[in-house]
Amino acid sequence: MIFKSRIFDFYKLKPSIKNEISVFLVIGFIPSMYLIGKFGYQFQIWLGVEPGTPIRQIENGFWLTALLVLCAMVIMACGLFAGAVLHALYLAITGRLSLSKAFAATVLNKYPVHWFKF
């Protein structure tokens, strides 16, 4: 078997590989946090709510908060996916893995066997 795929395999990877993956995920995380902040602020202004207003004072505040949290989760997932794709491109460009194997390793978590510590 060339690839192993289990949910907790990340913790079995060599430290250097874990660090490399983490760097690219942070590269996707930071811009997504910025976009979440900008989106939340613009969303409040678009709804006519003064930013900083307590949720209790907003009509349908619970549902607006739930919608904002859902949108934040989608933006965060897109940012992390972008970081994983960048890592796959990096692995392919540097010649460490083919593009299809790099995509499988970083996006689908089907890590090559030589990435594991034994």
PDB file of N, CA and C in Angstrom:
ATOM      1  N   MET A   1       0.847  -1.184   0.000  1.00  0.00           N
ATOM      2  CA  MET A   1       0.000   0.000   0.000  1.00  0.00           C
ATOM      3  C   MET A   1       0.890   1.245   0.000  1.00  0.00           C
ATOM      4  N   ILE A   2       0.678   2.121  -0.974  1.00  0.00           N
ATOM      5  CA  ILE A   2       1.500   3.320  -1.109  1.00  0.00           C
ATOM      6  C   ILE A   2       1.079   4.389  -0.116  1.00  0.00           C
ATOM      7  N   PHE A   3      -0.224   4.572   0.093  1.00  0.00           N
ATOM      8  CA  PHE A   3      -0.730   5.613   0.971  1.00  0.00           C
ATOM      9  C   PHE A   3      -1.470   5.001   2.151  1.00  0.00           C
ATOM     10  N   LYS A   4      -1.429   5.706   3.273  1.00  0.00           N
ATOM     11  CA  LYS A   4      -2.219   5.343   4.437  1.00  0.00           C
ATOM     12  C   LYS A   4      -3.170   6.507   4.693  1.00  0.00           C
ATOM     13  N   SER A   5      -4.400   6.210   5.042  1.00  0.00           N
ATOM     14  CA  SER A   5      -5.359   7.284   5.269  1.00  0.00           C
ATOM     15  C   SER A   5      -6.195   6.988   6.506  1.00  0.00           C
ATOM     16  N   ARG A   6      -5.899   7.704   7.566  1.00  0.00           N
ATOM     17  CA  ARG A   6      -6.697   7.644   8.786  1.00  0.00           C
ATOM     18  C   ARG A   6      -6.723   9.036   9.382  1.00  0.00           C
ATOM     19  N   ILE A   7      -7.712   9.298  10.196  1.00  0.00           N
ATOM     20  CA  ILE A   7      -7.906  10.656  10.699  1.00  0.00           C
ATOM     21  C   ILE A   7      -6.777  11.130  11.628  1.00  0.00           C
ATOM     22  N   PHE A   8      -6.187  10.232  12.401  1.00  0.00           N
ATOM     23  CA  PHE A   8      -5.156  10.639  13.355  1.00  0.00           C
ATOM     24  C   PHE A   8      -3.739  10.420  12.830  1.00  0.00           C
ATOM     25  N   ASP A   9      -3.586  10.162  11.553  1.00  0.00           N
ATOM     26  CA  ASP A   9      -2.263   9.932  10.984  1.00  0.00           C
ATOM     27  C   ASP A   9      -1.372  11.161  11.058  1.00  0.00           C
ATOM     28  N   PHE A  10      -1.950  12.345  11.107  1.00  0.00           N
ATOM     29  CA  PHE A  10      -1.138  13.561  11.191  1.00  0.00           C
ATOM     30  C   PHE A  10      -0.203  13.496  12.393  1.00  0.00           C
ATOM     31  N   TYR A  11      -0.670  12.931  13.489  1.00  0.00           N
ATOM     32  CA  TYR A  11       0.128  12.872  14.709  1.00  0.00           C
ATOM     33  C   TYR A  11       1.237  11.833  14.622  1.00  0.00           C
ATOM     34  N   LYS A  12       1.199  10.986  13.626  1.00  0.00           N
ATOM     35  CA  LYS A  12       2.225   9.957  13.438  1.00  0.00           C
ATOM     36  C   LYS A  12       3.283  10.377  12.423  1.00  0.00           C
ATOM     37  N   LEU A  13       3.134  11.560  11.853  1.00  0.00           N
ATOM     38  CA  LEU A  13       4.083  12.032  10.858  1.00  0.00           C
ATOM     39  C   LEU A  13       5.386  12.485  11.503  1.00  0.00           C
ATOM     40  N   LYS A  14       6.449  12.519  10.710  1.00  0.00           N
ATOM     41  CA  LYS A  14       7.730  13.044  11.172  1.00  0.00           C
ATOM     42  C   LYS A  14       7.537  14.509  11.563  1.00  0.00           C
ATOM     43  N   PRO A  15       8.241  14.975  12.593  1.00  0.00           N
ATOM     44  CA  PRO A  15       8.078  16.376  13.020  1.00  0.00           C
ATOM     45  C   PRO A  15       8.338  17.390  11.914  1.00  0.00           C
ATOM     46  N   SER A  16       9.302  17.141  11.061  1.00  0.00           N
ATOM     47  CA  SER A  16       9.595  18.101   9.986  1.00  0.00           C
ATOM     48  C   SER A  16       8.419  18.209   9.010  1.00  0.00           C
ATOM     49  N   ILE A  17       7.764  17.096   8.740  1.00  0.00           N
ATOM     50  CA  ILE A  17       6.604  17.105   7.840  1.00  0.00           C
ATOM     51  C   ILE A  17       5.428  17.816   8.515  1.00  0.00           C
ATOM     52  N   LYS A  18       5.221  17.534   9.801  1.00  0.00           N
ATOM     53  CA  LYS A  18       4.129  18.211  10.532  1.00  0.00           C
ATOM     54  C   LYS A  18       4.338  19.718  10.539  1.00  0.00           C
ATOM     55  N   ASN A  19       5.576  20.142  10.762  1.00  0.00           N
ATOM     56  CA  ASN A  19       5.863  21.577  10.779  1.00  0.00           C
ATOM     57  C   ASN A  19       5.613  22.210   9.418  1.00  0.00           C
ATOM     58  N   GLU A  20       6.019  21.516   8.367  1.00  0.00           N
ATOM     59  CA  GLU A  20       5.814  22.035   7.018  1.00  0.00           C
ATOM     60  C   GLU A  20       4.327  22.173   6.697  1.00  0.00           C
ATOM     61  N   ILE A  21       3.550  21.166   7.036  1.00  0.00           N
ATOM     62  CA  ILE A  21       2.103  21.222   6.802  1.00  0.00           C
ATOM     63  C   ILE A  21       1.490  22.356   7.607  1.00  0.00           C
ATOM     64  N   SER A  22       1.923  22.494   8.849  1.00  0.00           N
ATOM     65  CA  SER A  22       1.376  23.540   9.724  1.00  0.00           C
ATOM     66  C   SER A  22       1.658  24.928   9.189  1.00  0.00           C
ATOM     67  N   VAL A  23       2.850  25.136   8.644  1.00  0.00           N
ATOM     68  CA  VAL A  23       3.198  26.450   8.091  1.00  0.00           C
ATOM     69  C   VAL A  23       2.239  26.825   6.971  1.00  0.00           C
ATOM     70  N   PHE A  24       1.962  25.879   6.083  1.00  0.00           N
ATOM     71  CA  PHE A  24       1.072  26.196   4.961  1.00  0.00           C
ATOM     72  C   PHE A  24      -0.374  26.369   5.422  1.00  0.00           C
ATOM     73  N   LEU A  25      -0.776  25.660   6.461  1.00  0.00           N
ATOM     74  CA  LEU A  25      -2.134  25.864   6.975  1.00  0.00           C
ATOM     75  C   LEU A  25      -2.260  27.233   7.641  1.00  0.00           C
ATOM     76  N   VAL A  26      -1.203  27.674   8.312  1.00  0.00           N
ATOM     77  CA  VAL A  26      -1.220  29.019   8.906  1.00  0.00           C
ATOM     78  C   VAL A  26      -1.250  30.073   7.809  1.00  0.00           C
ATOM     79  N   ILE A  27      -0.551  29.798   6.700  1.00  0.00           N
ATOM     80  CA  ILE A  27      -0.583  30.726   5.560  1.00  0.00           C
ATOM     81  C   ILE A  27      -2.012  30.870   5.039  1.00  0.00           C
ATOM     82  N   GLY A  28      -2.794  29.821   5.088  1.00  0.00           N
ATOM     83  CA  GLY A  28      -4.204  29.917   4.700  1.00  0.00           C
ATOM     84  C   GLY A  28      -5.080  30.471   5.802  1.00  0.00           C
ATOM     85  N   PHE A  29      -4.683  30.280   7.060  1.00  0.00           N
ATOM     86  CA  PHE A  29      -5.481  30.698   8.212  1.00  0.00           C
ATOM     87  C   PHE A  29      -5.478  32.219   8.396  1.00  0.00           C
ATOM     88  N   ILE A  30      -4.322  32.832   8.283  1.00  0.00           N
ATOM     89  CA  ILE A  30      -4.204  34.271   8.574  1.00  0.00           C
ATOM     90  C   ILE A  30      -5.059  35.134   7.644  1.00  0.00           C
ATOM     91  N   PRO A  31      -4.990  34.951   6.325  1.00  0.00           N
ATOM     92  CA  PRO A  31      -5.873  35.761   5.472  1.00  0.00           C
ATOM     93  C   PRO A  31      -7.354  35.495   5.704  1.00  0.00           C
ATOM     94  N   SER A  32      -7.691  34.246   6.046  1.00  0.00           N
ATOM     95  CA  SER A  32      -9.104  33.959   6.290  1.00  0.00           C
ATOM     96  C   SER A  32      -9.594  34.665   7.550  1.00  0.00           C
ATOM     97  N   MET A  33      -8.752  34.782   8.554  1.00  0.00           N
ATOM     98  CA  MET A  33      -9.152  35.528   9.756  1.00  0.00           C
ATOM     99  C   MET A  33      -9.386  37.005   9.413  1.00  0.00           C
ATOM    100  N   TYR A  34      -8.531  37.563   8.578  1.00  0.00           N
ATOM    101  CA  TYR A  34      -8.714  38.944   8.142  1.00  0.00           C
ATOM    102  C   TYR A  34     -10.038  39.099   7.392  1.00  0.00           C
ATOM    103  N   LEU A  35     -10.318  38.154   6.485  1.00  0.00           N
ATOM    104  CA  LEU A  35     -11.563  38.221   5.717  1.00  0.00           C
ATOM    105  C   LEU A  35     -12.784  38.058   6.616  1.00  0.00           C
ATOM    106  N   ILE A  36     -12.687  37.222   7.628  1.00  0.00           N
ATOM    107  CA  ILE A  36     -13.800  37.056   8.569  1.00  0.00           C
ATOM    108  C   ILE A  36     -14.081  38.370   9.288  1.00  0.00           C
ATOM    109  N   GLY A  37     -13.020  39.045   9.723  1.00  0.00           N
ATOM    110  CA  GLY A  37     -13.195  40.337  10.393  1.00  0.00           C
ATOM    111  C   GLY A  37     -13.813  41.383   9.482  1.00  0.00           C
ATOM    112  N   LYS A  38     -13.312  41.462   8.256  1.00  0.00           N
ATOM    113  CA  LYS A  38     -13.867  42.425   7.307  1.00  0.00           C
ATOM    114  C   LYS A  38     -15.311  42.089   6.956  1.00  0.00           C
ATOM    115  N   PHE A  39     -15.587  40.799   6.734  1.00  0.00           N
ATOM    116  CA  PHE A  39     -16.930  40.383   6.376  1.00  0.00           C
ATOM    117  C   PHE A  39     -17.904  40.666   7.512  1.00  0.00           C
ATOM    118  N   GLY A  40     -17.524  40.342   8.740  1.00  0.00           N
ATOM    119  CA  GLY A  40     -18.410  40.567   9.883  1.00  0.00           C
ATOM    120  C   GLY A  40     -18.730  42.037  10.066  1.00  0.00           C
ATOM    121  N   TYR A  41     -17.725  42.870   9.923  1.00  0.00           N
ATOM    122  CA  TYR A  41     -17.927  44.314  10.063  1.00  0.00           C
ATOM    123  C   TYR A  41     -18.836  44.838   8.955  1.00  0.00           C
ATOM    124  N   GLN A  42     -18.546  44.467   7.708  1.00  0.00           N
ATOM    125  CA  GLN A  42     -19.364  44.929   6.582  1.00  0.00           C
ATOM    126  C   GLN A  42     -20.797  44.392   6.660  1.00  0.00           C
ATOM    127  N   PHE A  43     -20.936  43.155   7.143  1.00  0.00           N
ATOM    128  CA  PHE A  43     -22.257  42.549   7.289  1.00  0.00           C
ATOM    129  C   PHE A  43     -23.104  43.328   8.294  1.00  0.00           C
ATOM    130  N   GLN A  44     -22.490  43.742   9.399  1.00  0.00           N
ATOM    131  CA  GLN A  44     -23.213  44.537  10.400  1.00  0.00           C
ATOM    132  C   GLN A  44     -23.634  45.876   9.818  1.00  0.00           C
ATOM    133  N   ILE A  45     -22.747  46.525   9.107  1.00  0.00           N
ATOM    134  CA  ILE A  45     -23.075  47.820   8.511  1.00  0.00           C
ATOM    135  C   ILE A  45     -24.183  47.651   7.467  1.00  0.00           C
ATOM    136  N   TRP A  46     -24.088  46.603   6.650  1.00  0.00           N
ATOM    137  CA  TRP A  46     -25.092  46.342   5.622  1.00  0.00           C
ATOM    138  C   TRP A  46     -26.467  46.129   6.237  1.00  0.00           C
ATOM    139  N   LEU A  47     -26.532  45.504   7.411  1.00  0.00           N
ATOM    140  CA  LEU A  47     -27.809  45.281   8.084  1.00  0.00           C
ATOM    141  C   LEU A  47     -28.299  46.504   8.855  1.00  0.00           C
ATOM    142  N   GLY A  48     -27.479  47.533   8.904  1.00  0.00           N
ATOM    143  CA  GLY A  48     -27.865  48.737   9.620  1.00  0.00           C
ATOM    144  C   GLY A  48     -27.644  48.639  11.122  1.00  0.00           C
ATOM    145  N   VAL A  49     -26.823  47.714  11.535  1.00  0.00           N
ATOM    146  CA  VAL A  49     -26.515  47.522  12.954  1.00  0.00           C
ATOM    147  C   VAL A  49     -25.193  48.211  13.236  1.00  0.00           C
ATOM    148  N   GLU A  50     -25.176  49.026  14.278  1.00  0.00           N
ATOM    149  CA  GLU A  50     -23.932  49.682  14.662  1.00  0.00           C
ATOM    150  C   GLU A  50     -22.982  48.631  15.235  1.00  0.00           C
ATOM    151  N   PRO A  51     -21.759  48.515  14.690  1.00  0.00           N
ATOM    152  CA  PRO A  51     -20.818  47.538  15.235  1.00  0.00           C
ATOM    153  C   PRO A  51     -20.574  47.776  16.722  1.00  0.00           C
ATOM    154  N   GLY A  52     -20.578  46.705  17.479  1.00  0.00           N
ATOM    155  CA  GLY A  52     -20.397  46.790  18.922  1.00  0.00           C
ATOM    156  C   GLY A  52     -21.705  46.787  19.694  1.00  0.00           C
ATOM    157  N   THR A  53     -22.834  46.796  18.993  1.00  0.00           N
ATOM    158  CA  THR A  53     -24.135  46.748  19.650  1.00  0.00           C
ATOM    159  C   THR A  53     -24.333  45.364  20.266  1.00  0.00           C
ATOM    160  N   PRO A  54     -24.777  45.305  21.525  1.00  0.00           N
ATOM    161  CA  PRO A  54     -25.021  43.994  22.131  1.00  0.00           C
ATOM    162  C   PRO A  54     -26.069  43.201  21.343  1.00  0.00           C
ATOM    163  N   ILE A  55     -25.867  41.890  21.277  1.00  0.00           N
ATOM    164  CA  ILE A  55     -26.763  41.020  20.499  1.00  0.00           C
ATOM    165  C   ILE A  55     -28.194  41.110  21.013  1.00  0.00           C
ATOM    166  N   ARG A  56     -28.357  41.269  22.320  1.00  0.00           N
ATOM    167  CA  ARG A  56     -29.706  41.337  22.906  1.00  0.00           C
ATOM    168  C   ARG A  56     -30.509  42.508  22.355  1.00  0.00           C
ATOM    169  N   GLN A  57     -29.839  43.558  21.915  1.00  0.00           N
ATOM    170  CA  GLN A  57     -30.531  44.750  21.434  1.00  0.00           C
ATOM    171  C   GLN A  57     -30.855  44.697  19.937  1.00  0.00           C
ATOM    172  N   ILE A  58     -30.409  43.651  19.264  1.00  0.00           N
ATOM    173  CA  ILE A  58     -30.642  43.534  17.825  1.00  0.00           C
ATOM    174  C   ILE A  58     -31.828  42.594  17.603  1.00  0.00           C
ATOM    175  N   GLU A  59     -32.752  43.039  16.757  1.00  0.00           N
ATOM    176  CA  GLU A  59     -33.869  42.172  16.412  1.00  0.00           C
ATOM    177  C   GLU A  59     -33.326  40.967  15.643  1.00  0.00           C
ATOM    178  N   ASN A  60     -33.739  39.772  16.020  1.00  0.00           N
ATOM    179  CA  ASN A  60     -33.231  38.516  15.439  1.00  0.00           C
ATOM    180  C   ASN A  60     -31.721  38.381  15.611  1.00  0.00           C
ATOM    181  N   GLY A  61     -31.207  38.877  16.724  1.00  0.00           N
ATOM    182  CA  GLY A  61     -29.769  38.843  16.987  1.00  0.00           C
ATOM    183  C   GLY A  61     -29.195  37.440  17.015  1.00  0.00           C
ATOM    184  N   PHE A  62     -29.966  36.485  17.557  1.00  0.00           N
ATOM    185  CA  PHE A  62     -29.490  35.104  17.616  1.00  0.00           C
ATOM    186  C   PHE A  62     -29.253  34.553  16.213  1.00  0.00           C
ATOM    187  N   TRP A  63     -30.204  34.778  15.313  1.00  0.00           N
ATOM    188  CA  TRP A  63     -30.092  34.245  13.954  1.00  0.00           C
ATOM    189  C   TRP A  63     -28.995  34.957  13.162  1.00  0.00           C
ATOM    190  N   LEU A  64     -28.827  36.230  13.397  1.00  0.00           N
ATOM    191  CA  LEU A  64     -27.738  36.951  12.725  1.00  0.00           C
ATOM    192  C   LEU A  64     -26.384  36.440  13.200  1.00  0.00           C
ATOM    193  N   THR A  65     -26.286  36.166  14.489  1.00  0.00           N
ATOM    194  CA  THR A  65     -25.046  35.619  15.028  1.00  0.00           C
ATOM    195  C   THR A  65     -24.786  34.224  14.463  1.00  0.00           C
ATOM    196  N   ALA A  66     -25.825  33.413  14.397  1.00  0.00           N
ATOM    197  CA  ALA A  66     -25.670  32.069  13.836  1.00  0.00           C
ATOM    198  C   ALA A  66     -25.222  32.148  12.378  1.00  0.00           C
ATOM    199  N   LEU A  67     -25.782  33.075  11.617  1.00  0.00           N
ATOM    200  CA  LEU A  67     -25.394  33.249  10.218  1.00  0.00           C
ATOM    201  C   LEU A  67     -23.940  33.710  10.102  1.00  0.00           C
ATOM    202  N   LEU A  68     -23.532  34.634  10.966  1.00  0.00           N
ATOM    203  CA  LEU A  68     -22.147  35.106  10.958  1.00  0.00           C
ATOM    204  C   LEU A  68     -21.180  33.975  11.295  1.00  0.00           C
ATOM    205  N   VAL A  69     -21.529  33.145  12.272  1.00  0.00           N
ATOM    206  CA  VAL A  69     -20.664  32.022  12.648  1.00  0.00           C
ATOM    207  C   VAL A  69     -20.568  31.025  11.500  1.00  0.00           C
ATOM    208  N   LEU A  70     -21.674  30.750  10.849  1.00  0.00           N
ATOM    209  CA  LEU A  70     -21.666  29.834   9.708  1.00  0.00           C
ATOM    210  C   LEU A  70     -20.794  30.382   8.576  1.00  0.00           C
ATOM    211  N   CYS A  71     -20.941  31.655   8.276  1.00  0.00           N
ATOM    212  CA  CYS A  71     -20.116  32.273   7.235  1.00  0.00           C
ATOM    213  C   CYS A  71     -18.633  32.247   7.628  1.00  0.00           C
ATOM    214  N   ALA A  72     -18.347  32.478   8.895  1.00  0.00           N
ATOM    215  CA  ALA A  72     -16.962  32.436   9.364  1.00  0.00           C
ATOM    216  C   ALA A  72     -16.380  31.037   9.189  1.00  0.00           C
ATOM    217  N   MET A  73     -17.167  30.019   9.464  1.00  0.00           N
ATOM    218  CA  MET A  73     -16.693  28.651   9.303  1.00  0.00           C
ATOM    219  C   MET A  73     -16.411  28.340   7.831  1.00  0.00           C
ATOM    220  N   VAL A  74     -17.256  28.810   6.941  1.00  0.00           N
ATOM    221  CA  VAL A  74     -17.049  28.584   5.507  1.00  0.00           C
ATOM    222  C   VAL A  74     -15.791  29.304   5.027  1.00  0.00           C
ATOM    223  N   ILE A  75     -15.610  30.555   5.449  1.00  0.00           N
ATOM    224  CA  ILE A  75     -14.422  31.312   5.061  1.00  0.00           C
ATOM    225  C   ILE A  75     -13.169  30.641   5.603  1.00  0.00           C
ATOM    226  N   MET A  76     -13.223  30.160   6.846  1.00  0.00           N
ATOM    227  CA  MET A  76     -12.068  29.489   7.449  1.00  0.00           C
ATOM    228  C   MET A  76     -11.743  28.197   6.703  1.00  0.00           C
ATOM    229  N   ALA A  77     -12.758  27.426   6.356  1.00  0.00           N
ATOM    230  CA  ALA A  77     -12.525  26.183   5.615  1.00  0.00           C
ATOM    231  C   ALA A  77     -11.897  26.480   4.250  1.00  0.00           C
ATOM    232  N   CYS A  78     -12.358  27.530   3.600  1.00  0.00           N
ATOM    233  CA  CYS A  78     -11.788  27.903   2.299  1.00  0.00           C
ATOM    234  C   CYS A  78     -10.324  28.330   2.447  1.00  0.00           C
ATOM    235  N   GLY A  79     -10.016  29.055   3.506  1.00  0.00           N
ATOM    236  CA  GLY A  79      -8.628  29.471   3.750  1.00  0.00           C
ATOM    237  C   GLY A  79      -7.714  28.289   4.023  1.00  0.00           C
ATOM    238  N   LEU A  80      -8.177  27.347   4.830  1.00  0.00           N
ATOM    239  CA  LEU A  80      -7.370  26.163   5.119  1.00  0.00           C
ATOM    240  C   LEU A  80      -7.202  25.303   3.869  1.00  0.00           C
ATOM    241  N   PHE A  81      -8.252  25.208   3.067  1.00  0.00           N
ATOM    242  CA  PHE A  81      -8.150  24.474   1.796  1.00  0.00           C
ATOM    243  C   PHE A  81      -7.125  25.141   0.880  1.00  0.00           C
ATOM    244  N   ALA A  82      -7.148  26.471   0.824  1.00  0.00           N
ATOM    245  CA  ALA A  82      -6.179  27.197  -0.005  1.00  0.00           C
ATOM    246  C   ALA A  82      -4.755  26.939   0.483  1.00  0.00           C
ATOM    247  N   GLY A  83      -4.556  26.891   1.794  1.00  0.00           N
ATOM    248  CA  GLY A  83      -3.236  26.580   2.340  1.00  0.00           C
ATOM    249  C   GLY A  83      -2.789  25.175   1.964  1.00  0.00           C
ATOM    250  N   ALA A  84      -3.712  24.223   2.009  1.00  0.00           N
ATOM    251  CA  ALA A  84      -3.382  22.845   1.634  1.00  0.00           C
ATOM    252  C   ALA A  84      -3.042  22.750   0.146  1.00  0.00           C
ATOM    253  N   VAL A  85      -3.781  23.475  -0.686  1.00  0.00           N
ATOM    254  CA  VAL A  85      -3.495  23.472  -2.125  1.00  0.00           C
ATOM    255  C   VAL A  85      -2.136  24.121  -2.400  1.00  0.00           C
ATOM    256  N   LEU A  86      -1.821  25.206  -1.685  1.00  0.00           N
ATOM    257  CA  LEU A  86      -0.505  25.831  -1.841  1.00  0.00           C
ATOM    258  C   LEU A  86       0.611  24.861  -1.460  1.00  0.00           C
ATOM    259  N   HIS A  87       0.387  24.089  -0.410  1.00  0.00           N
ATOM    260  CA  HIS A  87       1.384  23.102  -0.001  1.00  0.00           C
ATOM    261  C   HIS A  87       1.550  22.031  -1.079  1.00  0.00           C
ATOM    262  N   ALA A  88       0.449  21.602  -1.669  1.00  0.00           N
ATOM    263  CA  ALA A  88       0.530  20.613  -2.747  1.00  0.00           C
ATOM    264  C   ALA A  88       1.317  21.183  -3.935  1.00  0.00           C
ATOM    265  N   LEU A  89       1.059  22.434  -4.278  1.00  0.00           N
ATOM    266  CA  LEU A  89       1.807  23.068  -5.373  1.00  0.00           C
ATOM    267  C   LEU A  89       3.288  23.184  -5.039  1.00  0.00           C
ATOM    268  N   TYR A  90       3.591  23.526  -3.800  1.00  0.00           N
ATOM    269  CA  TYR A  90       4.982  23.619  -3.350  1.00  0.00           C
ATOM    270  C   TYR A  90       5.680  22.269  -3.490  1.00  0.00           C
ATOM    271  N   LEU A  91       5.021  21.209  -3.041  1.00  0.00           N
ATOM    272  CA  LEU A  91       5.612  19.870  -3.142  1.00  0.00           C
ATOM    273  C   LEU A  91       5.820  19.468  -4.596  1.00  0.00           C
ATOM    274  N   ALA A  92       4.885  19.830  -5.457  1.00  0.00           N
ATOM    275  CA  ALA A  92       5.005  19.481  -6.874  1.00  0.00           C
ATOM    276  C   ALA A  92       6.093  20.301  -7.563  1.00  0.00           C
ATOM    277  N   ILE A  93       6.167  21.587  -7.250  1.00  0.00           N
ATOM    278  CA  ILE A  93       7.165  22.454  -7.880  1.00  0.00           C
ATOM    279  C   ILE A  93       8.578  22.070  -7.456  1.00  0.00           C
ATOM    280  N   THR A  94       8.749  21.723  -6.178  1.00  0.00           N
ATOM    281  CA  THR A  94      10.077  21.334  -5.697  1.00  0.00           C
ATOM    282  C   THR A  94      10.451  19.921  -6.116  1.00  0.00           C
ATOM    283  N   GLY A  95       9.511  19.171  -6.686  1.00  0.00           N
ATOM    284  CA  GLY A  95       9.794  17.841  -7.187  1.00  0.00           C
ATOM    285  C   GLY A  95       9.783  16.742  -6.136  1.00  0.00           C
ATOM    286  N   ARG A  96       9.291  17.042  -4.955  1.00  0.00           N
ATOM    287  CA  ARG A  96       9.265  16.029  -3.899  1.00  0.00           C
ATOM    288  C   ARG A  96       8.171  14.989  -4.129  1.00  0.00           C
ATOM    289  N   LEU A  97       7.050  15.408  -4.736  1.00  0.00           N
ATOM    290  CA  LEU A  97       5.954  14.505  -5.088  1.00  0.00           C
ATOM    291  C   LEU A  97       5.352  14.976  -6.398  1.00  0.00           C
ATOM    292  N   SER A  98       4.693  14.078  -7.093  1.00  0.00           N
ATOM    293  CA  SER A  98       3.953  14.509  -8.281  1.00  0.00           C
ATOM    294  C   SER A  98       2.742  15.316  -7.811  1.00  0.00           C
ATOM    295  N   LEU A  99       2.148  16.072  -8.712  1.00  0.00           N
ATOM    296  CA  LEU A  99       1.026  16.930  -8.320  1.00  0.00           C
ATOM    297  C   LEU A  99      -0.141  16.114  -7.781  1.00  0.00           C
ATOM    298  N   SER A 100      -0.448  14.999  -8.405  1.00  0.00           N
ATOM    299  CA  SER A 100      -1.577  14.191  -7.924  1.00  0.00           C
ATOM    300  C   SER A 100      -1.291  13.589  -6.551  1.00  0.00           C
ATOM    301  N   LYS A 101      -0.060  13.115  -6.325  1.00  0.00           N
ATOM    302  CA  LYS A 101       0.290  12.563  -5.004  1.00  0.00           C
ATOM    303  C   LYS A 101       0.366  13.668  -3.953  1.00  0.00           C
ATOM    304  N   ALA A 102       0.853  14.846  -4.348  1.00  0.00           N
ATOM    305  CA  ALA A 102       0.921  15.968  -3.413  1.00  0.00           C
ATOM    306  C   ALA A 102      -0.480  16.424  -3.017  1.00  0.00           C
ATOM    307  N   PHE A 103      -1.381  16.479  -3.995  1.00  0.00           N
ATOM    308  CA  PHE A 103      -2.773  16.853  -3.693  1.00  0.00           C
ATOM    309  C   PHE A 103      -3.405  15.826  -2.762  1.00  0.00           C
ATOM    310  N   ALA A 104      -3.173  14.537  -3.035  1.00  0.00           N
ATOM    311  CA  ALA A 104      -3.722  13.484  -2.178  1.00  0.00           C
ATOM    312  C   ALA A 104      -3.149  13.581  -0.769  1.00  0.00           C
ATOM    313  N   ALA A 105      -1.871  13.910  -0.663  1.00  0.00           N
ATOM    314  CA  ALA A 105      -1.234  13.968   0.652  1.00  0.00           C
ATOM    315  C   ALA A 105      -1.703  15.172   1.458  1.00  0.00           C
ATOM    316  N   THR A 106      -1.773  16.335   0.834  1.00  0.00           N
ATOM    317  CA  THR A 106      -2.067  17.541   1.612  1.00  0.00           C
ATOM    318  C   THR A 106      -3.546  17.844   1.732  1.00  0.00           C
ATOM    319  N   VAL A 107      -4.318  17.579   0.708  1.00  0.00           N
ATOM    320  CA  VAL A 107      -5.736  17.919   0.735  1.00  0.00           C
ATOM    321  C   VAL A 107      -6.578  16.746   1.240  1.00  0.00           C
ATOM    322  N   LEU A 108      -6.234  15.548   0.812  1.00  0.00           N
ATOM    323  CA  LEU A 108      -7.029  14.371   1.177  1.00  0.00           C
ATOM    324  C   LEU A 108      -6.450  13.589   2.357  1.00  0.00           C
ATOM    325  N   ASN A 109      -5.313  14.032   2.873  1.00  0.00           N
ATOM    326  CA  ASN A 109      -4.638  13.388   4.016  1.00  0.00           C
ATOM    327  C   ASN A 109      -4.284  11.930   3.751  1.00  0.00           C
ATOM    328  N   LYS A 110      -3.946  11.613   2.523  1.00  0.00           N
ATOM    329  CA  LYS A 110      -3.447  10.279   2.177  1.00  0.00           C
ATOM    330  C   LYS A 110      -1.928  10.402   2.085  1.00  0.00           C
ATOM    331  N   TYR A 111      -1.288  10.329   3.261  1.00  0.00           N
ATOM    332  CA  TYR A 111       0.133  10.602   3.359  1.00  0.00           C
ATOM    333  C   TYR A 111       0.969   9.457   2.799  1.00  0.00           C
ATOM    334  N   PRO A 112       2.067   9.793   2.095  1.00  0.00           N
ATOM    335  CA  PRO A 112       2.987   8.746   1.652  1.00  0.00           C
ATOM    336  C   PRO A 112       3.611   8.048   2.873  1.00  0.00           C
ATOM    337  N   VAL A 113       3.936   6.799   2.724  1.00  0.00           N
ATOM    338  CA  VAL A 113       4.456   6.010   3.839  1.00  0.00           C
ATOM    339  C   VAL A 113       5.773   6.580   4.354  1.00  0.00           C
ATOM    340  N   HIS A 114       6.603   7.136   3.466  1.00  0.00           N
ATOM    341  CA  HIS A 114       7.908   7.648   3.919  1.00  0.00           C
ATOM    342  C   HIS A 114       7.790   8.927   4.759  1.00  0.00           C
ATOM    343  N   TRP A 115       6.613   9.507   4.885  1.00  0.00           N
ATOM    344  CA  TRP A 115       6.415  10.669   5.757  1.00  0.00           C
ATOM    345  C   TRP A 115       6.215  10.275   7.217  1.00  0.00           C
ATOM    346  N   PHE A 116       5.943   9.009   7.485  1.00  0.00           N
ATOM    347  CA  PHE A 116       5.660   8.576   8.856  1.00  0.00           C
ATOM    348  C   PHE A 116       6.945   8.295   9.603  1.00  0.00           C
ATOM    349  N   LYS A 117       6.922   8.559  10.911  1.00  0.00           N
ATOM    350  CA  LYS A 117       8.047   8.164  11.755  1.00  0.00           C
ATOM    351  C   LYS A 117       7.799   6.715  12.198  1.00  0.00           C
ATOM    352  N   PHE A 118       8.843   5.967  12.254  1.00  0.00           N
ATOM    353  CA  PHE A 118       8.695   4.550  12.608  1.00  0.00           C
ATOM    354  C   PHE A 118       9.356   4.253  13.926  1.00  0.00           C
TER     355      PHE A 118
END
